[in-house]
Amino acid sequence: MPLIRFDLIEGRDKKELRALLDAAHRAVVKAFGVPEKDRYQIVTQHPADELVIEDTGLGLKRSNQLVVISITSKKRTEAQKQELYRLLASELKESCGIDPQDLMVSIVSNTDADWSFGLGKAQFLTGDL
């Protein structure tokens, strides 16, 4: 945990997708200190006209390499979140050639009661995790 969703403009091949997911996972492991095997990632690819992410006045220039990352996670500190943003930008640039202007990240926090990993149980509440 966390659960990470990637929204992308369609057109990346399997190798590019794997590089993107691996780079993002490295950033999450470093910034949030989660175990290496704690990996929950979902990718959705969209036609270019179905993913509109414009600049909010920061002077950002978006391209068809745009990556929107939505993270659902237990509460993290502001320092952890800022480190994650920095590491994501760095890892995606280095490993995938994605310009940091093409990265948007949103984090939604929840609690232990909001997670079930299967078997009809809330494993954080039952003590299984």
Protein backbone atom coordinates (compact mmCIF):
# COMPACT_ATOMS: atom_id res chain seq x y z
CA MET A 1 0.00 0.00 0.00
CA PRO A 2 -0.33 2.81 -1.34
CA LEU A 3 -2.62 2.26 -4.32
CA ILE A 4 -1.28 4.18 -7.33
CA ARG A 5 -3.23 4.98 -10.48
CA PHE A 6 -1.56 6.24 -13.64
CA ASP A 7 -3.52 8.09 -16.31
CA LEU A 8 -1.64 8.41 -19.59
CA ILE A 9 -2.21 9.35 -23.20
CA GLU A 10 -2.32 6.07 -25.10
CA GLY A 11 0.59 4.94 -27.22
CA ARG A 12 3.27 3.66 -24.83
CA ASP A 13 4.49 0.13 -25.40
CA LYS A 14 4.88 -2.55 -22.71
CA LYS A 15 8.56 -1.77 -22.16
CA GLU A 16 7.86 1.95 -21.66
CA LEU A 17 4.99 1.19 -19.29
CA ARG A 18 7.14 -1.15 -17.21
CA ALA A 19 9.91 1.44 -16.98
CA LEU A 20 7.38 4.03 -15.83
CA LEU A 21 5.86 1.73 -13.19
CA ASP A 22 9.26 0.61 -11.93
CA ALA A 23 10.53 4.21 -11.68
CA ALA A 24 7.44 5.30 -9.76
CA HIS A 25 7.73 2.33 -7.42
CA ARG A 26 11.36 3.16 -6.63
CA ALA A 27 10.28 6.70 -5.71
CA VAL A 28 7.46 5.46 -3.44
CA VAL A 29 9.72 2.95 -1.68
CA LYS A 30 12.33 5.65 -1.00
CA ALA A 31 9.97 8.47 -0.02
CA PHE A 32 7.38 6.52 1.98
CA GLY A 33 9.60 3.70 3.27
CA VAL A 34 7.19 0.99 2.11
CA PRO A 35 8.43 -2.58 1.60
CA GLU A 36 9.72 -3.45 -1.87
CA LYS A 37 6.89 -5.97 -2.44
CA ASP A 38 4.25 -3.44 -1.37
CA ARG A 39 3.22 -2.60 -4.92
CA TYR A 40 -0.29 -1.78 -6.13
CA GLN A 41 -0.37 -0.01 -9.50
CA ILE A 42 -3.13 0.48 -12.08
CA VAL A 43 -2.64 2.02 -15.53
CA THR A 44 -5.35 3.59 -17.67
CA GLN A 45 -4.50 4.90 -21.12
CA HIS A 46 -6.72 7.49 -22.78
CA PRO A 47 -7.08 8.96 -26.27
CA ALA A 48 -5.36 12.37 -26.29
CA ASP A 49 -8.68 14.24 -26.45
CA GLU A 50 -9.93 12.48 -23.29
CA LEU A 51 -7.12 13.63 -21.00
CA VAL A 52 -7.09 17.40 -20.55
CA ILE A 53 -4.51 18.62 -18.01
CA GLU A 54 -3.80 22.28 -18.57
CA ASP A 55 -1.40 24.69 -16.96
CA THR A 56 -2.78 26.56 -13.92
CA GLY A 57 -0.65 29.63 -14.46
CA LEU A 58 2.74 28.11 -13.65
CA GLY A 59 4.00 28.27 -17.24
CA LEU A 60 3.99 24.49 -17.68
CA LYS A 61 4.08 23.11 -21.20
CA ARG A 62 2.41 19.70 -21.42
CA SER A 63 3.08 17.12 -24.11
CA ASN A 64 1.68 13.75 -25.14
CA GLN A 65 4.06 12.21 -22.54
CA LEU A 66 1.82 13.54 -19.75
CA VAL A 67 1.56 11.33 -16.66
CA VAL A 68 -1.11 11.91 -14.01
CA ILE A 69 -0.44 9.93 -10.83
CA SER A 70 -3.21 9.56 -8.24
CA ILE A 71 -2.16 8.00 -4.95
CA THR A 72 -4.41 6.68 -2.19
CA SER A 73 -2.39 6.14 0.97
CA LYS A 74 -2.36 6.11 4.71
CA LYS A 75 -1.43 9.52 6.10
CA ARG A 76 2.06 10.74 5.15
CA THR A 77 3.96 13.79 6.38
CA GLU A 78 4.36 16.89 4.24
CA ALA A 79 8.08 16.15 4.07
CA GLN A 80 7.41 12.62 2.76
CA LYS A 81 5.01 13.97 0.14
CA GLN A 82 7.47 16.63 -1.02
CA GLU A 83 10.22 14.03 -1.24
CA LEU A 84 7.94 11.78 -3.27
CA TYR A 85 7.17 14.60 -5.74
CA ARG A 86 10.90 15.29 -6.11
CA LEU A 87 11.80 11.62 -6.52
CA LEU A 88 9.00 10.96 -9.01
CA ALA A 89 10.13 13.86 -11.20
CA SER A 90 13.75 12.69 -11.00
CA GLU A 91 13.07 8.97 -11.56
CA LEU A 92 10.68 9.54 -14.47
CA LYS A 93 13.09 11.96 -16.15
CA GLU A 94 16.11 9.67 -15.68
CA SER A 95 14.45 6.31 -16.43
CA CYS A 96 11.76 7.30 -18.94
CA GLY A 97 12.78 10.64 -20.40
CA ILE A 98 9.57 12.24 -19.11
CA ASP A 99 9.89 15.99 -18.61
CA PRO A 100 8.91 17.05 -15.06
CA GLN A 101 6.45 19.50 -16.68
CA ASP A 102 4.51 16.42 -17.84
CA LEU A 103 4.00 15.08 -14.32
CA MET A 104 0.99 15.79 -12.13
CA VAL A 105 0.54 14.04 -8.77
CA SER A 106 -2.38 13.99 -6.34
CA ILE A 107 -2.40 12.22 -2.98
CA VAL A 108 -5.54 11.28 -1.06
CA SER A 109 -5.08 10.08 2.53
CA ASN A 110 -7.21 7.53 4.34
CA THR A 111 -7.09 5.36 7.48
CA ASP A 112 -6.54 1.73 8.43
CA ALA A 113 -10.28 1.03 8.27
CA ASP A 114 -10.32 2.02 4.58
CA TRP A 115 -8.22 -0.94 3.41
CA SER A 116 -9.12 -4.55 2.68
CA PHE A 117 -6.55 -6.58 0.74
CA GLY A 118 -8.95 -9.48 0.31
CA LEU A 119 -10.72 -12.25 2.23
CA GLY A 120 -13.39 -9.82 3.44
CA LYS A 121 -11.14 -8.45 6.18
CA ALA A 122 -9.63 -5.10 7.11
CA GLN A 123 -6.12 -6.47 7.66
CA PHE A 124 -4.74 -3.32 9.27
CA LEU A 125 -7.55 -3.47 11.86
CA THR A 126 -7.39 -7.23 12.45
CA GLY A 127 -3.63 -7.18 12.99
CA ASP A 128 -2.93 -9.40 9.97
CA LEU A 129 -0.75 -6.58 8.62
